[in-house]
């Protein structure tokens, strides 16, 4: 194996270890089921190595930050009866994406009741897909007019956030 690239920061390595913990469960399950032909430790190291050299995620800080090539939109006024799969199908039906695999939807729910809060975040692979999805702003989705807007994290009307939205 090659050493990590010179631009990798401590924060990157810390995040990679976090991913390793998450991935460990999947790899151990595959190994126990006989699907993995190498040891679980080797599997985890391989996944972390690939992530490290591929620049997965927003890692590091300052100038060494690697770009996370996903585009996230806020979706509001989602009907309470709909789930994430319904919203994915909506984006496919209206031509924002080619398949449900091209969009990841996270529907927010009430922690106590586990019912939909009527808001979601949709994450796209390309800027083109995101722009096509933005064109669906104020479109009817199962009897409700939904809002689709760019998101930059956080909330409120702080000047730094408002600058990013523009």
N, C-alpha and C. Protein backbone atom coordinates (compact mmCIF):
# COMPACT_ATOMS: atom_id res chain seq x y z
N UNK A 1 0.83 -1.20 0.00
CA UNK A 1 0.00 0.00 0.00
C UNK A 1 0.87 1.25 0.00
N UNK A 2 0.36 2.28 -0.64
CA UNK A 2 1.07 3.55 -0.69
C UNK A 2 0.72 4.39 0.53
N UNK A 3 1.61 5.30 0.95
CA UNK A 3 1.27 6.19 2.06
C UNK A 3 0.15 7.14 1.63
N UNK A 4 -0.60 7.70 2.59
CA UNK A 4 -1.67 8.63 2.22
C UNK A 4 -1.10 9.86 1.52
N UNK A 5 -1.90 10.50 0.68
CA UNK A 5 -1.45 11.72 0.01
C UNK A 5 -1.02 12.79 1.01
N UNK A 6 -0.11 13.67 0.58
CA UNK A 6 0.44 14.69 1.48
C UNK A 6 -0.61 15.67 1.97
N UNK A 7 -1.71 15.86 1.23
CA UNK A 7 -2.73 16.85 1.61
C UNK A 7 -3.73 16.31 2.64
N UNK A 8 -3.52 15.11 3.14
CA UNK A 8 -4.45 14.52 4.10
C UNK A 8 -4.17 15.05 5.50
N UNK A 9 -5.20 15.56 6.14
CA UNK A 9 -5.05 16.14 7.48
C UNK A 9 -5.44 15.13 8.55
N UNK A 10 -5.20 15.51 9.80
CA UNK A 10 -5.59 14.69 10.94
C UNK A 10 -7.10 14.49 10.95
N UNK A 11 -7.84 15.55 10.60
CA UNK A 11 -9.31 15.47 10.59
C UNK A 11 -9.77 14.43 9.57
N UNK A 12 -9.08 14.37 8.43
CA UNK A 12 -9.41 13.38 7.41
C UNK A 12 -9.25 11.97 7.98
N UNK A 13 -8.13 11.73 8.64
CA UNK A 13 -7.87 10.40 9.20
C UNK A 13 -8.88 10.06 10.29
N UNK A 14 -9.24 11.06 11.10
CA UNK A 14 -10.24 10.84 12.15
C UNK A 14 -11.58 10.45 11.53
N UNK A 15 -11.98 11.14 10.45
CA UNK A 15 -13.22 10.81 9.77
C UNK A 15 -13.14 9.42 9.14
N UNK A 16 -11.98 9.07 8.59
CA UNK A 16 -11.80 7.75 7.99
C UNK A 16 -11.96 6.66 9.05
N UNK A 17 -11.48 6.91 10.26
CA UNK A 17 -11.65 5.94 11.34
C UNK A 17 -13.12 5.79 11.71
N UNK A 18 -13.85 6.92 11.70
CA UNK A 18 -15.29 6.87 11.97
C UNK A 18 -15.98 6.01 10.92
N UNK A 19 -15.63 6.24 9.64
CA UNK A 19 -16.21 5.44 8.56
C UNK A 19 -15.86 3.97 8.77
N UNK A 20 -14.62 3.71 9.18
CA UNK A 20 -14.19 2.34 9.41
C UNK A 20 -15.08 1.65 10.42
N UNK A 21 -15.47 2.38 11.46
CA UNK A 21 -16.35 1.81 12.48
C UNK A 21 -17.71 1.48 11.88
N UNK A 22 -18.23 2.36 11.05
CA UNK A 22 -19.53 2.13 10.42
C UNK A 22 -19.46 0.96 9.43
N UNK A 23 -18.38 0.92 8.67
CA UNK A 23 -18.21 -0.10 7.64
C UNK A 23 -17.90 -1.46 8.26
N UNK A 24 -17.29 -1.44 9.44
CA UNK A 24 -16.91 -2.68 10.12
C UNK A 24 -18.10 -3.61 10.29
N UNK A 25 -19.25 -3.07 10.65
CA UNK A 25 -20.44 -3.88 10.85
C UNK A 25 -20.83 -4.61 9.57
N UNK A 26 -20.78 -3.91 8.45
CA UNK A 26 -21.15 -4.49 7.17
C UNK A 26 -20.16 -5.58 6.77
N UNK A 27 -18.88 -5.29 6.92
CA UNK A 27 -17.85 -6.25 6.52
C UNK A 27 -17.90 -7.50 7.39
N UNK A 28 -18.08 -7.32 8.70
CA UNK A 28 -18.17 -8.49 9.59
C UNK A 28 -19.37 -9.36 9.23
N UNK A 29 -20.47 -8.72 8.90
CA UNK A 29 -21.67 -9.45 8.51
C UNK A 29 -21.42 -10.24 7.23
N UNK A 30 -20.75 -9.63 6.26
CA UNK A 30 -20.44 -10.32 5.01
C UNK A 30 -19.47 -11.48 5.26
N UNK A 31 -18.51 -11.29 6.14
CA UNK A 31 -17.53 -12.34 6.45
C UNK A 31 -18.20 -13.52 7.13
N UNK A 32 -19.07 -13.21 8.09
CA UNK A 32 -19.78 -14.29 8.81
C UNK A 32 -20.70 -15.07 7.87
N UNK A 33 -21.25 -14.38 6.89
CA UNK A 33 -22.14 -15.03 5.93
C UNK A 33 -21.41 -15.76 4.82
N UNK A 34 -20.08 -15.69 4.81
CA UNK A 34 -19.29 -16.38 3.80
C UNK A 34 -19.15 -15.64 2.49
N UNK A 35 -19.59 -14.37 2.44
CA UNK A 35 -19.50 -13.59 1.20
C UNK A 35 -18.14 -12.93 1.03
N UNK A 36 -17.39 -12.80 2.10
CA UNK A 36 -16.10 -12.10 2.07
C UNK A 36 -14.99 -13.14 2.16
N UNK A 37 -14.09 -13.14 1.20
CA UNK A 37 -13.04 -14.16 1.14
C UNK A 37 -11.74 -13.73 1.81
N UNK A 38 -11.67 -12.52 2.36
CA UNK A 38 -10.50 -12.06 3.10
C UNK A 38 -10.92 -11.83 4.55
N UNK A 39 -9.96 -11.61 5.41
CA UNK A 39 -10.30 -11.37 6.81
C UNK A 39 -11.04 -10.05 6.96
N UNK A 40 -11.86 -9.90 8.00
CA UNK A 40 -12.59 -8.64 8.21
C UNK A 40 -11.65 -7.44 8.33
N UNK A 41 -10.52 -7.62 8.99
CA UNK A 41 -9.57 -6.50 9.15
C UNK A 41 -9.05 -6.06 7.79
N UNK A 42 -8.71 -7.03 6.93
CA UNK A 42 -8.24 -6.69 5.59
C UNK A 42 -9.33 -5.96 4.80
N UNK A 43 -10.58 -6.39 4.97
CA UNK A 43 -11.68 -5.73 4.28
C UNK A 43 -11.84 -4.28 4.70
N UNK A 44 -11.76 -4.03 6.01
CA UNK A 44 -11.88 -2.67 6.52
C UNK A 44 -10.74 -1.81 6.01
N UNK A 45 -9.54 -2.33 6.04
CA UNK A 45 -8.38 -1.57 5.56
C UNK A 45 -8.50 -1.25 4.09
N UNK A 46 -9.02 -2.21 3.30
CA UNK A 46 -9.18 -1.95 1.87
C UNK A 46 -10.18 -0.82 1.63
N UNK A 47 -11.31 -0.85 2.32
CA UNK A 47 -12.33 0.19 2.15
C UNK A 47 -11.78 1.55 2.57
N UNK A 48 -11.07 1.62 3.70
CA UNK A 48 -10.51 2.89 4.16
C UNK A 48 -9.45 3.40 3.18
N UNK A 49 -8.65 2.50 2.63
CA UNK A 49 -7.61 2.89 1.67
C UNK A 49 -8.25 3.50 0.43
N UNK A 50 -9.29 2.84 -0.08
CA UNK A 50 -9.97 3.34 -1.28
C UNK A 50 -10.60 4.70 -0.99
N UNK A 51 -11.25 4.85 0.16
CA UNK A 51 -11.87 6.14 0.53
C UNK A 51 -10.81 7.23 0.65
N UNK A 52 -9.68 6.91 1.22
CA UNK A 52 -8.61 7.87 1.43
C UNK A 52 -8.08 8.39 0.10
N UNK A 53 -7.86 7.50 -0.85
CA UNK A 53 -7.28 7.90 -2.13
C UNK A 53 -8.31 8.41 -3.12
N UNK A 54 -9.59 8.12 -2.89
CA UNK A 54 -10.63 8.61 -3.79
C UNK A 54 -11.12 9.99 -3.38
N UNK A 55 -10.80 10.44 -2.16
CA UNK A 55 -11.25 11.75 -1.70
C UNK A 55 -12.74 11.75 -1.42
N UNK A 56 -13.23 10.75 -0.73
CA UNK A 56 -14.66 10.64 -0.44
C UNK A 56 -15.03 11.60 0.68
N UNK A 57 -16.09 12.36 0.47
CA UNK A 57 -16.62 13.21 1.54
C UNK A 57 -15.90 14.52 1.70
N UNK A 58 -16.40 15.36 2.59
CA UNK A 58 -15.76 16.61 2.94
C UNK A 58 -14.83 16.31 4.10
N UNK A 59 -13.57 16.28 3.80
CA UNK A 59 -12.59 15.87 4.78
C UNK A 59 -11.52 16.92 4.93
N UNK A 60 -10.90 16.96 6.09
CA UNK A 60 -9.85 17.94 6.31
C UNK A 60 -10.44 19.27 6.68
N UNK A 61 -9.58 20.27 6.71
CA UNK A 61 -10.05 21.60 7.00
C UNK A 61 -9.16 22.60 6.28
N UNK A 62 -9.66 23.78 6.06
CA UNK A 62 -8.87 24.81 5.40
C UNK A 62 -8.61 24.47 3.94
N UNK A 63 -7.37 24.68 3.50
CA UNK A 63 -7.02 24.48 2.10
C UNK A 63 -6.97 23.02 1.67
N UNK A 64 -6.84 22.11 2.63
CA UNK A 64 -6.74 20.71 2.26
C UNK A 64 -8.09 20.02 2.18
N UNK A 65 -9.17 20.79 2.21
CA UNK A 65 -10.51 20.20 2.15
C UNK A 65 -10.75 19.64 0.75
N UNK A 66 -11.16 18.39 0.70
CA UNK A 66 -11.50 17.77 -0.57
C UNK A 66 -12.98 18.00 -0.83
N UNK A 67 -13.33 18.28 -2.05
CA UNK A 67 -14.71 18.59 -2.39
C UNK A 67 -15.58 17.36 -2.30
N UNK A 68 -16.73 17.54 -1.69
CA UNK A 68 -17.71 16.47 -1.59
C UNK A 68 -18.66 16.70 -2.75
N UNK A 69 -18.64 15.86 -3.73
CA UNK A 69 -19.35 16.08 -4.97
C UNK A 69 -20.79 15.60 -4.92
N UNK A 70 -21.54 16.12 -3.98
CA UNK A 70 -22.96 15.86 -3.88
C UNK A 70 -23.66 17.21 -3.76
N UNK A 71 -24.89 17.27 -4.19
CA UNK A 71 -25.64 18.51 -4.20
C UNK A 71 -26.95 18.30 -3.46
N UNK A 72 -27.16 19.09 -2.39
CA UNK A 72 -28.30 18.88 -1.51
C UNK A 72 -29.34 19.98 -1.64
N UNK A 73 -30.60 19.57 -1.67
CA UNK A 73 -31.72 20.50 -1.73
C UNK A 73 -32.66 20.24 -0.56
N UNK A 74 -33.29 21.30 -0.10
CA UNK A 74 -34.33 21.21 0.93
C UNK A 74 -35.67 21.06 0.21
N UNK A 75 -36.50 20.16 0.70
CA UNK A 75 -37.83 19.96 0.12
C UNK A 75 -38.84 20.15 1.25
N UNK A 76 -39.70 21.15 1.10
CA UNK A 76 -40.70 21.45 2.12
C UNK A 76 -42.11 21.22 1.62
N UNK A 77 -43.05 21.14 2.54
CA UNK A 77 -44.47 20.93 2.26
C UNK A 77 -44.74 19.55 1.64
N UNK A 78 -43.92 18.56 2.02
CA UNK A 78 -44.13 17.20 1.54
C UNK A 78 -45.37 16.63 2.25
N UNK A 79 -46.27 15.99 1.51
CA UNK A 79 -47.45 15.39 2.17
C UNK A 79 -47.03 14.41 3.26
N UNK A 80 -47.70 14.45 4.38
CA UNK A 80 -47.34 13.60 5.52
C UNK A 80 -47.49 12.12 5.22
N UNK A 81 -48.34 11.79 4.27
CA UNK A 81 -48.57 10.38 3.93
C UNK A 81 -47.47 9.79 3.04
N UNK A 82 -46.57 10.62 2.54
CA UNK A 82 -45.54 10.15 1.60
C UNK A 82 -44.26 9.79 2.33
N UNK A 83 -43.49 8.87 1.72
CA UNK A 83 -42.20 8.46 2.29
C UNK A 83 -41.06 8.83 1.34
N UNK A 84 -39.85 8.48 1.70
CA UNK A 84 -38.67 8.84 0.91
C UNK A 84 -38.73 8.23 -0.49
N UNK A 85 -39.21 6.99 -0.59
CA UNK A 85 -39.30 6.33 -1.89
C UNK A 85 -40.27 7.07 -2.82
N UNK A 86 -41.37 7.57 -2.26
CA UNK A 86 -42.33 8.34 -3.07
C UNK A 86 -41.68 9.60 -3.62
N UNK A 87 -40.88 10.26 -2.80
CA UNK A 87 -40.20 11.48 -3.23
C UNK A 87 -39.14 11.17 -4.30
N UNK A 88 -38.44 10.06 -4.15
CA UNK A 88 -37.47 9.65 -5.17
C UNK A 88 -38.19 9.42 -6.50
N UNK A 89 -39.32 8.74 -6.46
CA UNK A 89 -40.11 8.48 -7.67
C UNK A 89 -40.60 9.79 -8.31
N UNK A 90 -40.93 10.77 -7.47
CA UNK A 90 -41.37 12.07 -7.96
C UNK A 90 -40.26 12.71 -8.81
N UNK A 91 -39.01 12.65 -8.31
CA UNK A 91 -37.89 13.23 -9.07
C UNK A 91 -37.64 12.47 -10.37
N UNK A 92 -37.83 11.17 -10.38
CA UNK A 92 -37.67 10.38 -11.60
C UNK A 92 -38.78 10.72 -12.58
N UNK A 93 -40.02 10.75 -12.10
CA UNK A 93 -41.19 11.02 -12.95
C UNK A 93 -41.08 12.37 -13.66
N UNK A 94 -40.56 13.37 -12.96
CA UNK A 94 -40.47 14.71 -13.53
C UNK A 94 -39.14 14.99 -14.22
N UNK A 95 -38.31 13.96 -14.39
CA UNK A 95 -37.10 14.09 -15.20
C UNK A 95 -35.90 14.74 -14.54
N UNK A 96 -35.93 14.91 -13.23
CA UNK A 96 -34.76 15.49 -12.56
C UNK A 96 -33.61 14.49 -12.54
N UNK A 97 -33.95 13.21 -12.41
CA UNK A 97 -32.94 12.14 -12.41
C UNK A 97 -33.46 10.99 -13.28
N UNK A 98 -32.54 10.10 -13.68
CA UNK A 98 -32.93 8.97 -14.52
C UNK A 98 -33.48 7.79 -13.72
N UNK A 99 -32.96 7.60 -12.51
CA UNK A 99 -33.43 6.49 -11.68
C UNK A 99 -33.39 6.89 -10.21
N UNK A 100 -34.05 6.10 -9.38
CA UNK A 100 -34.07 6.40 -7.95
C UNK A 100 -32.69 6.28 -7.33
N UNK A 101 -31.77 5.57 -7.99
CA UNK A 101 -30.41 5.44 -7.47
C UNK A 101 -29.63 6.75 -7.58
N UNK A 102 -30.11 7.67 -8.42
CA UNK A 102 -29.41 8.95 -8.62
C UNK A 102 -29.74 9.99 -7.57
N UNK A 103 -30.71 9.72 -6.72
CA UNK A 103 -31.10 10.68 -5.68
C UNK A 103 -31.26 9.96 -4.35
N UNK A 104 -30.72 10.58 -3.32
CA UNK A 104 -30.87 10.05 -1.97
C UNK A 104 -31.76 11.02 -1.20
N UNK A 105 -32.82 10.49 -0.60
CA UNK A 105 -33.78 11.34 0.11
C UNK A 105 -33.77 10.99 1.59
N UNK A 106 -33.67 12.03 2.41
CA UNK A 106 -33.74 11.85 3.87
C UNK A 106 -34.97 12.61 4.36
N UNK A 107 -36.01 11.87 4.70
CA UNK A 107 -37.26 12.46 5.16
C UNK A 107 -37.17 12.63 6.68
N UNK A 108 -37.39 13.84 7.17
CA UNK A 108 -37.30 14.08 8.60
C UNK A 108 -38.58 13.65 9.30
N UNK A 109 -38.41 13.01 10.45
CA UNK A 109 -39.56 12.50 11.20
C UNK A 109 -39.52 13.01 12.63
N UNK A 110 -40.68 12.96 13.26
CA UNK A 110 -40.80 13.32 14.66
C UNK A 110 -40.14 12.21 15.48
N UNK A 111 -39.26 12.58 16.41
CA UNK A 111 -38.52 11.58 17.18
C UNK A 111 -39.41 10.74 18.07
N UNK A 112 -40.48 11.33 18.55
CA UNK A 112 -41.37 10.61 19.46
C UNK A 112 -42.35 9.71 18.72
N UNK A 113 -43.00 10.27 17.70
CA UNK A 113 -44.05 9.53 16.99
C UNK A 113 -43.55 8.81 15.74
N UNK A 114 -42.38 9.19 15.25
CA UNK A 114 -41.79 8.63 14.03
C UNK A 114 -42.64 8.91 12.79
N UNK A 115 -43.49 9.93 12.86
CA UNK A 115 -44.28 10.34 11.71
C UNK A 115 -43.53 11.43 10.95
N UNK A 116 -43.81 11.55 9.68
CA UNK A 116 -43.17 12.54 8.83
C UNK A 116 -43.43 13.95 9.34
N UNK A 117 -42.42 14.81 9.22
CA UNK A 117 -42.58 16.22 9.57
C UNK A 117 -42.92 17.05 8.35
N UNK A 118 -42.96 16.41 7.16
CA UNK A 118 -43.30 17.13 5.94
C UNK A 118 -42.13 17.85 5.31
N UNK A 119 -40.91 17.55 5.76
CA UNK A 119 -39.72 18.17 5.16
C UNK A 119 -38.68 17.08 4.89
N UNK A 120 -37.86 17.33 3.88
CA UNK A 120 -36.87 16.34 3.49
C UNK A 120 -35.65 17.04 2.90
N UNK A 121 -34.58 16.28 2.79
CA UNK A 121 -33.38 16.72 2.09
C UNK A 121 -33.12 15.72 0.98
N UNK A 122 -32.91 16.22 -0.23
CA UNK A 122 -32.63 15.36 -1.38
C UNK A 122 -31.20 15.64 -1.83
N UNK A 123 -30.42 14.60 -2.00
CA UNK A 123 -29.01 14.73 -2.37
C UNK A 123 -28.81 14.12 -3.75
N UNK A 124 -28.20 14.91 -4.66
CA UNK A 124 -28.01 14.50 -6.05
C UNK A 124 -26.53 14.32 -6.35
N UNK A 125 -26.24 13.51 -7.38
CA UNK A 125 -24.87 13.23 -7.77
C UNK A 125 -24.23 14.36 -8.57
N UNK A 126 -25.03 15.05 -9.38
CA UNK A 126 -24.47 16.08 -10.26
C UNK A 126 -25.19 17.42 -10.09
N UNK A 127 -24.51 18.46 -10.47
CA UNK A 127 -25.10 19.79 -10.43
C UNK A 127 -26.26 19.89 -11.41
N UNK A 128 -26.13 19.22 -12.55
CA UNK A 128 -27.19 19.21 -13.56
C UNK A 128 -28.48 18.64 -12.98
N UNK A 129 -28.39 17.52 -12.26
CA UNK A 129 -29.57 16.92 -11.63
C UNK A 129 -30.18 17.87 -10.61
N UNK A 130 -29.33 18.54 -9.84
CA UNK A 130 -29.81 19.47 -8.83
C UNK A 130 -30.58 20.63 -9.49
N UNK A 131 -30.04 21.15 -10.57
CA UNK A 131 -30.69 22.27 -11.27
C UNK A 131 -32.04 21.83 -11.83
N UNK A 132 -32.09 20.63 -12.40
CA UNK A 132 -33.37 20.12 -12.92
C UNK A 132 -34.38 19.95 -11.78
N UNK A 133 -33.90 19.52 -10.61
CA UNK A 133 -34.80 19.36 -9.46
C UNK A 133 -35.29 20.72 -8.96
N UNK A 134 -34.43 21.72 -9.00
CA UNK A 134 -34.82 23.07 -8.56
C UNK A 134 -35.96 23.62 -9.42
N UNK A 135 -36.04 23.18 -10.66
CA UNK A 135 -37.11 23.63 -11.55
C UNK A 135 -38.48 23.11 -11.11
N UNK A 136 -38.48 22.14 -10.21
CA UNK A 136 -39.73 21.58 -9.71
C UNK A 136 -40.27 22.35 -8.50
N UNK A 137 -39.63 23.46 -8.16
CA UNK A 137 -40.09 24.31 -7.05
C UNK A 137 -41.53 24.74 -7.33
N UNK A 138 -42.39 24.63 -6.33
CA UNK A 138 -43.82 24.95 -6.42
C UNK A 138 -44.58 24.03 -7.38
N UNK A 139 -44.15 22.77 -7.44
CA UNK A 139 -44.83 21.76 -8.24
C UNK A 139 -45.80 21.00 -7.34
N UNK A 140 -46.90 20.54 -7.91
CA UNK A 140 -47.89 19.77 -7.15
C UNK A 140 -47.38 18.35 -6.94
N UNK A 141 -47.33 17.93 -5.70
CA UNK A 141 -46.93 16.57 -5.34
C UNK A 141 -48.01 15.98 -4.44
N UNK A 142 -48.84 15.14 -5.01
CA UNK A 142 -49.95 14.50 -4.29
C UNK A 142 -50.85 15.50 -3.58
N UNK A 143 -51.23 16.54 -4.29
CA UNK A 143 -52.18 17.51 -3.75
C UNK A 143 -51.57 18.65 -2.97
N UNK A 144 -50.26 18.66 -2.79
CA UNK A 144 -49.61 19.77 -2.08
C UNK A 144 -48.56 20.41 -2.98
N UNK A 145 -48.44 21.71 -2.89
CA UNK A 145 -47.43 22.43 -3.65
C UNK A 145 -46.15 22.42 -2.82
N UNK A 146 -45.13 21.71 -3.32
CA UNK A 146 -43.89 21.57 -2.54
C UNK A 146 -42.91 22.68 -2.86
N UNK A 147 -42.06 22.98 -1.88
CA UNK A 147 -40.98 23.94 -2.04
C UNK A 147 -39.68 23.17 -2.19
N UNK A 148 -38.89 23.53 -3.19
CA UNK A 148 -37.57 22.92 -3.37
C UNK A 148 -36.56 24.05 -3.45
N UNK A 149 -35.65 24.07 -2.51
CA UNK A 149 -34.68 25.16 -2.41
C UNK A 149 -33.29 24.62 -2.12
N UNK A 150 -32.29 25.40 -2.48
CA UNK A 150 -30.91 25.04 -2.15
C UNK A 150 -30.71 25.12 -0.65
N UNK A 151 -29.84 24.29 -0.14
CA UNK A 151 -29.54 24.32 1.28
C UNK A 151 -28.04 24.41 1.46
N UNK A 152 -27.64 25.13 2.48
CA UNK A 152 -26.21 25.25 2.79
C UNK A 152 -25.98 24.92 4.25
N UNK A 153 -26.93 24.25 4.85
CA UNK A 153 -26.78 23.86 6.24
C UNK A 153 -27.25 24.95 7.18
N UNK A 154 -27.53 24.54 8.39
CA UNK A 154 -27.97 25.50 9.39
C UNK A 154 -29.35 26.01 9.08
N UNK A 155 -29.63 27.16 9.54
CA UNK A 155 -30.93 27.77 9.31
C UNK A 155 -30.84 29.24 9.65
N UNK A 156 -31.94 29.90 9.60
CA UNK A 156 -31.97 31.31 9.95
C UNK A 156 -31.52 32.21 8.83
N UNK A 157 -31.30 33.47 9.18
CA UNK A 157 -30.96 34.48 8.17
C UNK A 157 -29.62 35.14 8.44
N UNK A 158 -28.66 34.40 8.96
CA UNK A 158 -27.35 34.96 9.22
C UNK A 158 -26.70 35.36 7.90
N UNK A 159 -25.94 36.47 7.89
CA UNK A 159 -25.34 36.97 6.65
C UNK A 159 -24.48 35.93 5.92
N UNK A 160 -23.69 35.14 6.65
CA UNK A 160 -22.82 34.15 6.01
C UNK A 160 -23.65 33.11 5.26
N UNK A 161 -24.76 32.68 5.87
CA UNK A 161 -25.62 31.69 5.23
C UNK A 161 -26.31 32.29 4.01
N UNK A 162 -26.82 33.51 4.14
CA UNK A 162 -27.52 34.15 3.05
C UNK A 162 -26.58 34.36 1.85
N UNK A 163 -25.32 34.62 2.15
CA UNK A 163 -24.32 34.80 1.09
C UNK A 163 -24.11 33.49 0.33
N UNK A 164 -24.09 32.36 1.03
CA UNK A 164 -23.88 31.06 0.40
C UNK A 164 -25.06 30.68 -0.49
N UNK A 165 -26.27 31.05 -0.08
CA UNK A 165 -27.46 30.70 -0.85
C UNK A 165 -27.45 31.39 -2.21
N UNK A 166 -26.98 32.63 -2.23
CA UNK A 166 -26.93 33.38 -3.48
C UNK A 166 -25.97 32.70 -4.40
